[in-house]
Amino acid sequence: MIWQFIKFCVVGGSGVFVDFGITWFLKEICRLNKYIANSTGFICAATSNYLLNRIWTFESDDPAIAAQYLRFIGISLIGLLINNTVIYLLNDRLRLNFYLSKIFAIGVVTFWNFFMNYFFNF
């Protein structure tokens, strides 16, 4: 399980680039609401993370790809709720920088996503 967690974190690192890139573009360039931008970046990263985790981290050969993806996205959506809550608390309430708050949120959600996917999806 430790090796899979390390691989999960490596995949998550690639997802951070997808997440931050899309979030930054939508928030700073397109001027969308920070929670809409954050949610869009998060879901795009979750989709790329699903594919990489299925192939590399968990080496899944489950033929029910659609069902597995929907479970992964369901777990990720709960993670998104946690993510946005952490950002709200740190950014809106404590006035920390939005992107610093987002880093903390990603750290919290990483553990949620890994253990839920480890035990219930892969």
Protein backbone atom coordinates (compact mmCIF):
# COMPACT_ATOMS: atom_id res chain seq x y z
CA MET A 1 0.00 0.00 0.00
CA ILE A 2 2.88 2.42 0.67
CA TRP A 3 4.25 2.00 -2.88
CA GLN A 4 0.78 2.60 -4.30
CA PHE A 5 0.41 5.74 -2.17
CA ILE A 6 3.73 7.03 -3.53
CA LYS A 7 2.59 6.33 -7.09
CA PHE A 8 -0.77 7.95 -6.31
CA CYS A 9 1.09 11.07 -5.13
CA VAL A 10 3.21 11.16 -8.30
CA VAL A 11 0.06 10.96 -10.40
CA GLY A 12 -1.47 13.60 -8.14
CA GLY A 13 1.53 15.82 -8.81
CA SER A 14 0.73 15.77 -12.52
CA GLY A 15 -2.87 16.53 -11.60
CA VAL A 16 -1.73 19.58 -9.63
CA PHE A 17 -0.33 21.06 -12.84
CA VAL A 18 -3.59 20.40 -14.68
CA ASP A 19 -5.65 21.71 -11.76
CA PHE A 20 -3.59 24.86 -11.14
CA GLY A 21 -3.21 25.61 -14.85
CA ILE A 22 -6.91 25.45 -15.57
CA THR A 23 -7.85 27.18 -12.31
CA TRP A 24 -5.39 30.01 -12.92
CA PHE A 25 -6.51 30.47 -16.53
CA LEU A 26 -10.21 30.55 -15.65
CA LYS A 27 -9.78 32.73 -12.55
CA GLU A 28 -7.15 35.19 -13.72
CA ILE A 29 -7.62 35.37 -17.50
CA CYS A 30 -11.32 34.55 -17.91
CA ARG A 31 -12.25 36.22 -14.59
CA LEU A 32 -14.58 33.43 -13.52
CA ASN A 33 -15.64 33.02 -9.90
CA LYS A 34 -12.81 31.38 -7.92
CA TYR A 35 -14.99 28.43 -6.87
CA ILE A 36 -16.13 27.75 -10.44
CA ALA A 37 -12.53 28.01 -11.67
CA ASN A 38 -11.34 25.79 -8.82
CA SER A 39 -14.05 23.19 -9.41
CA THR A 40 -13.37 23.04 -13.15
CA GLY A 41 -9.63 22.62 -12.62
CA PHE A 42 -10.26 19.98 -9.99
CA ILE A 43 -12.58 17.89 -12.19
CA CYS A 44 -10.21 18.06 -15.18
CA ALA A 45 -7.35 16.92 -12.95
CA ALA A 46 -9.51 14.14 -11.47
CA THR A 47 -10.22 12.79 -14.96
CA SER A 48 -6.55 12.71 -15.95
CA ASN A 49 -5.69 11.25 -12.54
CA TYR A 50 -8.27 8.48 -13.00
CA LEU A 51 -6.66 7.33 -16.23
CA LEU A 52 -3.12 7.41 -14.82
CA ASN A 53 -4.12 5.76 -11.54
CA ARG A 54 -6.06 3.02 -13.33
CA ILE A 55 -3.12 2.19 -15.57
CA TRP A 56 -0.08 2.82 -13.37
CA THR A 57 -0.91 3.12 -9.67
CA PHE A 58 -3.49 0.38 -9.23
CA GLU A 59 -2.86 -1.52 -12.51
CA SER A 60 -6.56 -2.20 -12.84
CA ASP A 61 -7.88 -4.47 -15.57
CA ASP A 62 -11.51 -4.17 -14.47
CA PRO A 63 -13.56 -4.20 -17.69
CA ALA A 64 -16.26 -2.00 -16.10
CA ILE A 65 -14.32 1.18 -16.87
CA ALA A 66 -17.38 3.45 -16.89
CA ALA A 67 -18.57 2.25 -13.46
CA GLN A 68 -15.06 2.54 -12.06
CA TYR A 69 -14.69 6.05 -13.49
CA LEU A 70 -18.04 7.10 -12.00
CA ARG A 71 -16.97 5.80 -8.57
CA PHE A 72 -13.67 7.67 -8.94
CA ILE A 73 -15.48 10.88 -9.87
CA GLY A 74 -17.96 10.38 -7.01
CA ILE A 75 -15.09 10.08 -4.54
CA SER A 76 -13.44 13.08 -6.21
CA LEU A 77 -16.62 15.16 -5.91
CA ILE A 78 -16.67 14.58 -2.17
CA GLY A 79 -12.99 15.52 -2.26
CA LEU A 80 -13.97 18.68 -4.14
CA LEU A 81 -16.41 19.58 -1.39
CA ILE A 82 -13.60 19.12 1.14
CA ASN A 83 -11.26 21.10 -1.15
CA ASN A 84 -13.64 24.06 -1.47
CA THR A 85 -14.35 24.01 2.27
CA VAL A 86 -10.65 24.21 3.10
CA ILE A 87 -10.21 27.04 0.59
CA TYR A 88 -13.20 28.87 2.07
CA LEU A 89 -11.84 28.54 5.60
CA LEU A 90 -8.25 29.48 4.76
CA ASN A 91 -8.83 32.08 2.03
CA ASP A 92 -12.15 33.69 2.88
CA ARG A 93 -12.04 33.41 6.66
CA LEU A 94 -8.34 33.49 7.54
CA ARG A 95 -7.33 35.61 4.52
CA LEU A 96 -4.50 33.35 3.36
CA ASN A 97 -3.51 33.60 -0.29
CA PHE A 98 -5.92 31.71 -2.57
CA TYR A 99 -3.23 29.52 -4.15
CA LEU A 100 -1.59 28.75 -0.80
CA SER A 101 -5.03 27.76 0.50
CA LYS A 102 -5.46 25.55 -2.56
CA ILE A 103 -2.16 23.77 -1.83
CA PHE A 104 -3.32 23.00 1.71
CA ALA A 105 -6.66 21.79 0.35
CA ILE A 106 -4.93 19.46 -2.11
CA GLY A 107 -2.87 17.99 0.74
CA VAL A 108 -5.99 17.22 2.77
CA VAL A 109 -7.90 15.78 -0.18
CA THR A 110 -4.99 13.56 -1.26
CA PHE A 111 -5.48 11.30 1.76
CA TRP A 112 -9.26 11.17 1.28
CA ASN A 113 -8.95 10.27 -2.41
CA PHE A 114 -6.26 7.65 -1.94
CA PHE A 115 -7.90 5.68 0.86
CA MET A 116 -11.38 5.81 -0.62
CA ASN A 117 -10.10 4.64 -4.02
CA TYR A 118 -7.83 2.02 -2.46
CA PHE A 119 -10.61 0.45 -0.41
CA PHE A 120 -13.67 1.03 -2.61
CA ASN A 121 -12.65 1.45 -6.23
CA PHE A 122 -9.46 -0.30 -7.25
